């Protein structure tokens, strides 16, 4: 886990849909005084609906970690879903 977080590729078993799962260490967030940034990230991702920004599906937590489940974007997705700026 780098900088108190890691992102893993997760697949839902019953549908086969692939997601990106960002796992953040709560202790690291508090120790580095990043609580406000993590809260802001969740609020922004939850409110934005734009083809150029990854869609947030949901968030959850346990005693040690905060998790953000979002749309998985592979490098090939840029060629499939072009976004004009």
PDB file of N, CA and C in Angstrom:
ATOM      1  N   UNK A   1       0.861  -1.170   0.000  1.00  0.00           N
ATOM      2  CA  UNK A   1       0.000   0.000   0.000  1.00  0.00           C
ATOM      3  C   UNK A   1       0.907   1.232   0.000  1.00  0.00           C
ATOM      4  N   UNK A   2       0.800   2.054  -1.042  1.00  0.00           N
ATOM      5  CA  UNK A   2       1.605   3.257  -1.181  1.00  0.00           C
ATOM      6  C   UNK A   2       0.815   4.469  -0.729  1.00  0.00           C
ATOM      7  N   UNK A   3       1.453   5.345   0.044  1.00  0.00           N
ATOM      8  CA  UNK A   3       0.824   6.574   0.521  1.00  0.00           C
ATOM      9  C   UNK A   3      -0.500   6.301   1.223  1.00  0.00           C
ATOM     10  N   UNK A   4      -0.613   5.142   1.861  1.00  0.00           N
ATOM     11  CA  UNK A   4      -1.812   4.811   2.618  1.00  0.00           C
ATOM     12  C   UNK A   4      -2.997   4.405   1.767  1.00  0.00           C
ATOM     13  N   UNK A   5      -2.764   4.125   0.476  1.00  0.00           N
ATOM     14  CA  UNK A   5      -3.875   3.697  -0.378  1.00  0.00           C
ATOM     15  C   UNK A   5      -3.389   2.783  -1.483  1.00  0.00           C
ATOM     16  N   UNK A   6      -4.326   2.046  -2.033  1.00  0.00           N
ATOM     17  CA  UNK A   6      -4.055   1.250  -3.220  1.00  0.00           C
ATOM     18  C   UNK A   6      -5.348   1.121  -4.007  1.00  0.00           C
ATOM     19  N   UNK A   7      -5.209   0.898  -5.302  1.00  0.00           N
ATOM     20  CA  UNK A   7      -6.365   0.703  -6.169  1.00  0.00           C
ATOM     21  C   UNK A   7      -6.241  -0.689  -6.776  1.00  0.00           C
ATOM     22  N   UNK A   8      -7.320  -1.456  -6.657  1.00  0.00           N
ATOM     23  CA  UNK A   8      -7.335  -2.810  -7.208  1.00  0.00           C
ATOM     24  C   UNK A   8      -8.504  -2.965  -8.166  1.00  0.00           C
ATOM     25  N   UNK A   9      -8.355  -3.888  -9.073  1.00  0.00           N
ATOM     26  CA  UNK A   9      -9.414  -4.223 -10.022  1.00  0.00           C
ATOM     27  C   UNK A   9     -10.298  -5.278  -9.368  1.00  0.00           C
ATOM     28  N   UNK A  10     -11.597  -5.002  -9.271  1.00  0.00           N
ATOM     29  CA  UNK A  10     -12.534  -5.923  -8.626  1.00  0.00           C
ATOM     30  C   UNK A  10     -13.645  -6.286  -9.605  1.00  0.00           C
ATOM     31  N   UNK A  11     -14.017  -7.548  -9.620  1.00  0.00           N
ATOM     32  CA  UNK A  11     -15.069  -8.014 -10.518  1.00  0.00           C
ATOM     33  C   UNK A  11     -16.226  -8.565  -9.695  1.00  0.00           C
ATOM     34  N   UNK A  12     -17.426  -8.090  -9.983  1.00  0.00           N
ATOM     35  CA  UNK A  12     -18.623  -8.600  -9.305  1.00  0.00           C
ATOM     36  C   UNK A  12     -18.920  -9.993  -9.870  1.00  0.00           C
ATOM     37  N   UNK A  13     -19.013 -10.956  -8.986  1.00  0.00           N
ATOM     38  CA  UNK A  13     -19.121 -12.350  -9.412  1.00  0.00           C
ATOM     39  C   UNK A  13     -20.372 -12.650 -10.230  1.00  0.00           C
ATOM     40  N   UNK A  14     -21.531 -12.137  -9.810  1.00  0.00           N
ATOM     41  CA  UNK A  14     -22.768 -12.528 -10.492  1.00  0.00           C
ATOM     42  C   UNK A  14     -22.971 -11.844 -11.839  1.00  0.00           C
ATOM     43  N   UNK A  15     -22.376 -10.657 -12.050  1.00  0.00           N
ATOM     44  CA  UNK A  15     -22.570  -9.944 -13.315  1.00  0.00           C
ATOM     45  C   UNK A  15     -21.320  -9.907 -14.187  1.00  0.00           C
ATOM     46  N   UNK A  16     -20.149 -10.098 -13.567  1.00  0.00           N
ATOM     47  CA  UNK A  16     -18.894 -10.027 -14.312  1.00  0.00           C
ATOM     48  C   UNK A  16     -18.435  -8.599 -14.581  1.00  0.00           C
ATOM     49  N   UNK A  17     -19.127  -7.613 -14.030  1.00  0.00           N
ATOM     50  CA  UNK A  17     -18.762  -6.209 -14.233  1.00  0.00           C
ATOM     51  C   UNK A  17     -17.492  -5.906 -13.435  1.00  0.00           C
ATOM     52  N   UNK A  18     -16.574  -5.191 -14.079  1.00  0.00           N
ATOM     53  CA  UNK A  18     -15.309  -4.847 -13.448  1.00  0.00           C
ATOM     54  C   UNK A  18     -15.361  -3.429 -12.891  1.00  0.00           C
ATOM     55  N   UNK A  19     -14.867  -3.262 -11.672  1.00  0.00           N
ATOM     56  CA  UNK A  19     -14.834  -1.967 -10.995  1.00  0.00           C
ATOM     57  C   UNK A  19     -13.416  -1.669 -10.530  1.00  0.00           C
ATOM     58  N   UNK A  20     -13.159  -0.414 -10.228  1.00  0.00           N
ATOM     59  CA  UNK A  20     -11.926  -0.008  -9.563  1.00  0.00           C
ATOM     60  C   UNK A  20     -12.263   0.188  -8.086  1.00  0.00           C
ATOM     61  N   UNK A  21     -11.500  -0.426  -7.217  1.00  0.00           N
ATOM     62  CA  UNK A  21     -11.730  -0.328  -5.779  1.00  0.00           C
ATOM     63  C   UNK A  21     -10.527   0.373  -5.149  1.00  0.00           C
ATOM     64  N   UNK A  22     -10.753   1.585  -4.671  1.00  0.00           N
ATOM     65  CA  UNK A  22      -9.698   2.357  -4.009  1.00  0.00           C
ATOM     66  C   UNK A  22      -9.799   2.099  -2.513  1.00  0.00           C
ATOM     67  N   UNK A  23      -8.725   1.594  -1.927  1.00  0.00           N
ATOM     68  CA  UNK A  23      -8.697   1.237  -0.510  1.00  0.00           C
ATOM     69  C   UNK A  23      -7.741   2.196   0.196  1.00  0.00           C
ATOM     70  N   UNK A  24      -8.258   2.921   1.199  1.00  0.00           N
ATOM     71  CA  UNK A  24      -7.451   3.918   1.904  1.00  0.00           C
ATOM     72  C   UNK A  24      -7.347   3.560   3.382  1.00  0.00           C
ATOM     73  N   UNK A  25      -6.156   3.641   3.917  1.00  0.00           N
ATOM     74  CA  UNK A  25      -5.887   3.343   5.319  1.00  0.00           C
ATOM     75  C   UNK A  25      -6.322   4.517   6.194  1.00  0.00           C
ATOM     76  N   UNK A  26      -7.280   4.293   7.096  1.00  0.00           N
ATOM     77  CA  UNK A  26      -7.798   5.356   7.961  1.00  0.00           C
ATOM     78  C   UNK A  26      -6.702   5.955   8.842  1.00  0.00           C
ATOM     79  N   UNK A  27      -5.841   5.124   9.382  1.00  0.00           N
ATOM     80  CA  UNK A  27      -4.775   5.598  10.257  1.00  0.00           C
ATOM     81  C   UNK A  27      -3.847   6.559   9.511  1.00  0.00           C
ATOM     82  N   UNK A  28      -3.514   6.222   8.282  1.00  0.00           N
ATOM     83  CA  UNK A  28      -2.658   7.085   7.464  1.00  0.00           C
ATOM     84  C   UNK A  28      -3.351   8.416   7.157  1.00  0.00           C
ATOM     85  N   UNK A  29      -4.630   8.357   6.845  1.00  0.00           N
ATOM     86  CA  UNK A  29      -5.400   9.578   6.537  1.00  0.00           C
ATOM     87  C   UNK A  29      -5.378  10.534   7.723  1.00  0.00           C
ATOM     88  N   UNK A  30      -5.619  10.002   8.900  1.00  0.00           N
ATOM     89  CA  UNK A  30      -5.637  10.839  10.107  1.00  0.00           C
ATOM     90  C   UNK A  30      -4.228  11.346  10.432  1.00  0.00           C
ATOM     91  N   UNK A  31      -3.252  10.449  10.350  1.00  0.00           N
ATOM     92  CA  UNK A  31      -1.866  10.804  10.677  1.00  0.00           C
ATOM     93  C   UNK A  31      -1.332  11.907   9.760  1.00  0.00           C
ATOM     94  N   UNK A  32      -1.687  11.854   8.489  1.00  0.00           N
ATOM     95  CA  UNK A  32      -1.220  12.845   7.518  1.00  0.00           C
ATOM     96  C   UNK A  32      -2.164  14.042   7.406  1.00  0.00           C
ATOM     97  N   UNK A  33      -3.181  14.093   8.257  1.00  0.00           N
ATOM     98  CA  UNK A  33      -4.149  15.199   8.277  1.00  0.00           C
ATOM     99  C   UNK A  33      -4.830  15.388   6.908  1.00  0.00           C
ATOM    100  N   UNK A  34      -5.290  14.298   6.320  1.00  0.00           N
ATOM    101  CA  UNK A  34      -5.924  14.306   4.994  1.00  0.00           C
ATOM    102  C   UNK A  34      -7.424  14.062   5.049  1.00  0.00           C
ATOM    103  N   UNK A  35      -8.016  14.117   6.222  1.00  0.00           N
ATOM    104  CA  UNK A  35      -9.437  13.813   6.384  1.00  0.00           C
ATOM    105  C   UNK A  35     -10.311  14.696   5.504  1.00  0.00           C
ATOM    106  N   UNK A  36     -10.048  15.983   5.478  1.00  0.00           N
ATOM    107  CA  UNK A  36     -10.859  16.907   4.677  1.00  0.00           C
ATOM    108  C   UNK A  36     -10.763  16.590   3.190  1.00  0.00           C
ATOM    109  N   UNK A  37      -9.566  16.199   2.713  1.00  0.00           N
ATOM    110  CA  UNK A  37      -9.387  15.868   1.301  1.00  0.00           C
ATOM    111  C   UNK A  37     -10.146  14.607   0.914  1.00  0.00           C
ATOM    112  N   UNK A  38     -10.148  13.616   1.786  1.00  0.00           N
ATOM    113  CA  UNK A  38     -10.861  12.370   1.514  1.00  0.00           C
ATOM    114  C   UNK A  38     -12.369  12.619   1.478  1.00  0.00           C
ATOM    115  N   UNK A  39     -12.867  13.411   2.416  1.00  0.00           N
ATOM    116  CA  UNK A  39     -14.294  13.755   2.421  1.00  0.00           C
ATOM    117  C   UNK A  39     -14.669  14.521   1.159  1.00  0.00           C
ATOM    118  N   UNK A  40     -13.807  15.467   0.759  1.00  0.00           N
ATOM    119  CA  UNK A  40     -14.069  16.255  -0.444  1.00  0.00           C
ATOM    120  C   UNK A  40     -14.062  15.384  -1.696  1.00  0.00           C
ATOM    121  N   UNK A  41     -13.132  14.436  -1.771  1.00  0.00           N
ATOM    122  CA  UNK A  41     -13.076  13.522  -2.910  1.00  0.00           C
ATOM    123  C   UNK A  41     -14.391  12.760  -3.048  1.00  0.00           C
ATOM    124  N   UNK A  42     -14.908  12.259  -1.946  1.00  0.00           N
ATOM    125  CA  UNK A  42     -16.155  11.504  -1.979  1.00  0.00           C
ATOM    126  C   UNK A  42     -17.328  12.377  -2.404  1.00  0.00           C
ATOM    127  N   UNK A  43     -17.400  13.595  -1.880  1.00  0.00           N
ATOM    128  CA  UNK A  43     -18.487  14.524  -2.223  1.00  0.00           C
ATOM    129  C   UNK A  43     -18.438  14.891  -3.698  1.00  0.00           C
ATOM    130  N   UNK A  44     -17.253  15.219  -4.190  1.00  0.00           N
ATOM    131  CA  UNK A  44     -17.099  15.629  -5.597  1.00  0.00           C
ATOM    132  C   UNK A  44     -17.456  14.480  -6.525  1.00  0.00           C
ATOM    133  N   UNK A  45     -16.907  13.288  -6.268  1.00  0.00           N
ATOM    134  CA  UNK A  45     -17.207  12.145  -7.139  1.00  0.00           C
ATOM    135  C   UNK A  45     -18.688  11.786  -7.108  1.00  0.00           C
ATOM    136  N   UNK A  46     -19.324  11.958  -5.973  1.00  0.00           N
ATOM    137  CA  UNK A  46     -20.741  11.633  -5.840  1.00  0.00           C
ATOM    138  C   UNK A  46     -21.623  12.606  -6.629  1.00  0.00           C
ATOM    139  N   UNK A  47     -21.224  13.868  -6.704  1.00  0.00           N
ATOM    140  CA  UNK A  47     -22.062  14.889  -7.329  1.00  0.00           C
ATOM    141  C   UNK A  47     -21.816  15.068  -8.818  1.00  0.00           C
ATOM    142  N   UNK A  48     -20.638  14.710  -9.300  1.00  0.00           N
ATOM    143  CA  UNK A  48     -20.317  14.949 -10.710  1.00  0.00           C
ATOM    144  C   UNK A  48     -20.891  13.875 -11.615  1.00  0.00           C
ATOM    145  N   UNK A  49     -21.377  14.315 -12.757  1.00  0.00           N
ATOM    146  CA  UNK A  49     -21.874  13.411 -13.783  1.00  0.00           C
ATOM    147  C   UNK A  49     -21.351  13.935 -15.117  1.00  0.00           C
ATOM    148  N   UNK A  50     -20.175  13.466 -15.502  1.00  0.00           N
ATOM    149  CA  UNK A  50     -19.508  13.956 -16.705  1.00  0.00           C
ATOM    150  C   UNK A  50     -18.778  12.784 -17.361  1.00  0.00           C
ATOM    151  N   UNK A  51     -18.803  12.682 -18.685  1.00  0.00           N
ATOM    152  CA  UNK A  51     -18.161  11.545 -19.346  1.00  0.00           C
ATOM    153  C   UNK A  51     -16.642  11.501 -19.162  1.00  0.00           C
ATOM    154  N   UNK A  52     -16.032  12.614 -18.776  1.00  0.00           N
ATOM    155  CA  UNK A  52     -14.584  12.646 -18.591  1.00  0.00           C
ATOM    156  C   UNK A  52     -14.150  12.360 -17.166  1.00  0.00           C
ATOM    157  N   UNK A  53     -15.099  12.090 -16.262  1.00  0.00           N
ATOM    158  CA  UNK A  53     -14.775  11.839 -14.861  1.00  0.00           C
ATOM    159  C   UNK A  53     -15.347  10.487 -14.457  1.00  0.00           C
ATOM    160  N   UNK A  54     -14.539   9.720 -13.767  1.00  0.00           N
ATOM    161  CA  UNK A  54     -14.935   8.369 -13.353  1.00  0.00           C
ATOM    162  C   UNK A  54     -16.163   8.428 -12.454  1.00  0.00           C
ATOM    163  N   UNK A  55     -17.121   7.541 -12.716  1.00  0.00           N
ATOM    164  CA  UNK A  55     -18.378   7.502 -11.961  1.00  0.00           C
ATOM    165  C   UNK A  55     -18.218   6.745 -10.644  1.00  0.00           C
ATOM    166  N   UNK A  56     -18.705   7.340  -9.571  1.00  0.00           N
ATOM    167  CA  UNK A  56     -18.687   6.699  -8.253  1.00  0.00           C
ATOM    168  C   UNK A  56     -19.931   5.829  -8.107  1.00  0.00           C
ATOM    169  N   UNK A  57     -19.738   4.576  -7.690  1.00  0.00           N
ATOM    170  CA  UNK A  57     -20.870   3.695  -7.451  1.00  0.00           C
ATOM    171  C   UNK A  57     -21.270   3.719  -5.984  1.00  0.00           C
ATOM    172  N   UNK A  58     -20.335   3.457  -5.083  1.00  0.00           N
ATOM    173  CA  UNK A  58     -20.624   3.605  -3.660  1.00  0.00           C
ATOM    174  C   UNK A  58     -19.338   3.575  -2.845  1.00  0.00           C
ATOM    175  N   UNK A  59     -19.477   3.941  -1.578  1.00  0.00           N
ATOM    176  CA  UNK A  59     -18.351   3.917  -0.649  1.00  0.00           C
ATOM    177  C   UNK A  59     -18.731   3.059   0.553  1.00  0.00           C
ATOM    178  N   UNK A  60     -17.742   2.504   1.203  1.00  0.00           N
ATOM    179  CA  UNK A  60     -17.977   1.744   2.417  1.00  0.00           C
ATOM    180  C   UNK A  60     -16.699   1.759   3.250  1.00  0.00           C
ATOM    181  N   UNK A  61     -16.800   1.289   4.487  1.00  0.00           N
ATOM    182  CA  UNK A  61     -15.656   1.304   5.386  1.00  0.00           C
ATOM    183  C   UNK A  61     -15.739   0.159   6.377  1.00  0.00           C
ATOM    184  N   UNK A  62     -14.591  -0.163   6.967  1.00  0.00           N
ATOM    185  CA  UNK A  62     -14.542  -1.061   8.108  1.00  0.00           C
ATOM    186  C   UNK A  62     -13.707  -0.364   9.180  1.00  0.00           C
ATOM    187  N   UNK A  63     -13.241  -1.083  10.142  1.00  0.00           N
ATOM    188  CA  UNK A  63     -12.521  -0.458  11.259  1.00  0.00           C
ATOM    189  C   UNK A  63     -11.194   0.167  10.828  1.00  0.00           C
ATOM    190  N   UNK A  64     -10.594  -0.324   9.744  1.00  0.00           N
ATOM    191  CA  UNK A  64      -9.259   0.135   9.357  1.00  0.00           C
ATOM    192  C   UNK A  64      -9.187   0.836   8.007  1.00  0.00           C
ATOM    193  N   UNK A  65     -10.164   0.622   7.142  1.00  0.00           N
ATOM    194  CA  UNK A  65     -10.058   1.121   5.771  1.00  0.00           C
ATOM    195  C   UNK A  65     -11.325   1.838   5.306  1.00  0.00           C
ATOM    196  N   UNK A  66     -11.124   2.818   4.422  1.00  0.00           N
ATOM    197  CA  UNK A  66     -12.204   3.461   3.668  1.00  0.00           C
ATOM    198  C   UNK A  66     -12.079   2.966   2.239  1.00  0.00           C
ATOM    199  N   UNK A  67     -13.197   2.662   1.591  1.00  0.00           N
ATOM    200  CA  UNK A  67     -13.160   2.139   0.231  1.00  0.00           C
ATOM    201  C   UNK A  67     -14.095   2.936  -0.679  1.00  0.00           C
ATOM    202  N   UNK A  68     -13.637   3.171  -1.895  1.00  0.00           N
ATOM    203  CA  UNK A  68     -14.431   3.838  -2.917  1.00  0.00           C
ATOM    204  C   UNK A  68     -14.512   2.905  -4.119  1.00  0.00           C
ATOM    205  N   UNK A  69     -15.720   2.544  -4.497  1.00  0.00           N
ATOM    206  CA  UNK A  69     -15.931   1.683  -5.654  1.00  0.00           C
ATOM    207  C   UNK A  69     -16.375   2.567  -6.808  1.00  0.00           C
ATOM    208  N   UNK A  70     -15.622   2.515  -7.908  1.00  0.00           N
ATOM    209  CA  UNK A  70     -15.943   3.364  -9.054  1.00  0.00           C
ATOM    210  C   UNK A  70     -15.807   2.577 -10.355  1.00  0.00           C
ATOM    211  N   UNK A  71     -16.216   3.214 -11.422  1.00  0.00           N
ATOM    212  CA  UNK A  71     -16.126   2.635 -12.756  1.00  0.00           C
ATOM    213  C   UNK A  71     -14.669   2.326 -13.067  1.00  0.00           C
ATOM    214  N   UNK A  72     -14.400   1.139 -13.613  1.00  0.00           N
ATOM    215  CA  UNK A  72     -13.041   0.771 -13.997  1.00  0.00           C
ATOM    216  C   UNK A  72     -12.751   1.317 -15.379  1.00  0.00           C
ATOM    217  N   UNK A  73     -11.674   2.048 -15.498  1.00  0.00           N
ATOM    218  CA  UNK A  73     -11.293   2.664 -16.770  1.00  0.00           C
ATOM    219  C   UNK A  73      -9.941   2.119 -17.185  1.00  0.00           C
ATOM    220  N   UNK A  74      -9.913   1.297 -18.212  1.00  0.00           N
ATOM    221  CA  UNK A  74      -8.636   0.781 -18.706  1.00  0.00           C
ATOM    222  C   UNK A  74      -8.091   1.744 -19.745  1.00  0.00           C
ATOM    223  N   UNK A  75      -6.848   1.566 -20.102  1.00  0.00           N
ATOM    224  CA  UNK A  75      -6.224   2.439 -21.098  1.00  0.00           C
ATOM    225  C   UNK A  75      -6.956   2.343 -22.438  1.00  0.00           C
ATOM    226  N   UNK A  76      -7.554   1.209 -22.713  1.00  0.00           N
ATOM    227  CA  UNK A  76      -8.265   1.025 -23.980  1.00  0.00           C
ATOM    228  C   UNK A  76      -9.605   1.754 -23.996  1.00  0.00           C
ATOM    229  N   UNK A  77     -10.130   2.110 -22.836  1.00  0.00           N
ATOM    230  CA  UNK A  77     -11.397   2.830 -22.770  1.00  0.00           C
ATOM    231  C   UNK A  77     -11.306   4.197 -23.420  1.00  0.00           C
ATOM    232  N   UNK A  78     -10.123   4.772 -23.453  1.00  0.00           N
ATOM    233  CA  UNK A  78      -9.956   6.079 -24.086  1.00  0.00           C
ATOM    234  C   UNK A  78     -10.231   5.999 -25.575  1.00  0.00           C
ATOM    235  N   UNK A  79      -9.958   4.847 -26.172  1.00  0.00           N
ATOM    236  CA  UNK A  79     -10.183   4.682 -27.602  1.00  0.00           C
ATOM    237  C   UNK A  79     -11.633   4.303 -27.898  1.00  0.00           C
ATOM    238  N   UNK A  80     -12.293   3.709 -26.932  1.00  0.00           N
ATOM    239  CA  UNK A  80     -13.681   3.284 -27.116  1.00  0.00           C
ATOM    240  C   UNK A  80     -14.647   4.439 -26.863  1.00  0.00           C
ATOM    241  N   UNK A  81     -14.382   5.237 -25.825  1.00  0.00           N
ATOM    242  CA  UNK A  81     -15.262   6.330 -25.419  1.00  0.00           C
ATOM    243  C   UNK A  81     -14.508   7.662 -25.508  1.00  0.00           C
ATOM    244  N   UNK A  82     -14.311   8.200 -26.706  1.00  0.00           N
ATOM    245  CA  UNK A  82     -13.581   9.472 -26.800  1.00  0.00           C
ATOM    246  C   UNK A  82     -14.354  10.617 -26.157  1.00  0.00           C
ATOM    247  N   UNK A  83     -13.645  11.490 -25.516  1.00  0.00           N
ATOM    248  CA  UNK A  83     -14.240  12.649 -24.858  1.00  0.00           C
ATOM    249  C   UNK A  83     -13.675  13.898 -25.492  1.00  0.00           C
ATOM    250  N   UNK A  84     -14.539  14.776 -25.967  1.00  0.00           N
ATOM    251  CA  UNK A  84     -14.062  16.030 -26.534  1.00  0.00           C
ATOM    252  C   UNK A  84     -13.990  17.080 -25.443  1.00  0.00           C
ATOM    253  N   UNK A  85     -12.895  17.800 -25.411  1.00  0.00           N
ATOM    254  CA  UNK A  85     -12.674  18.809 -24.374  1.00  0.00           C
ATOM    255  C   UNK A  85     -12.937  20.195 -24.911  1.00  0.00           C
TER     256      UNK A  85
END
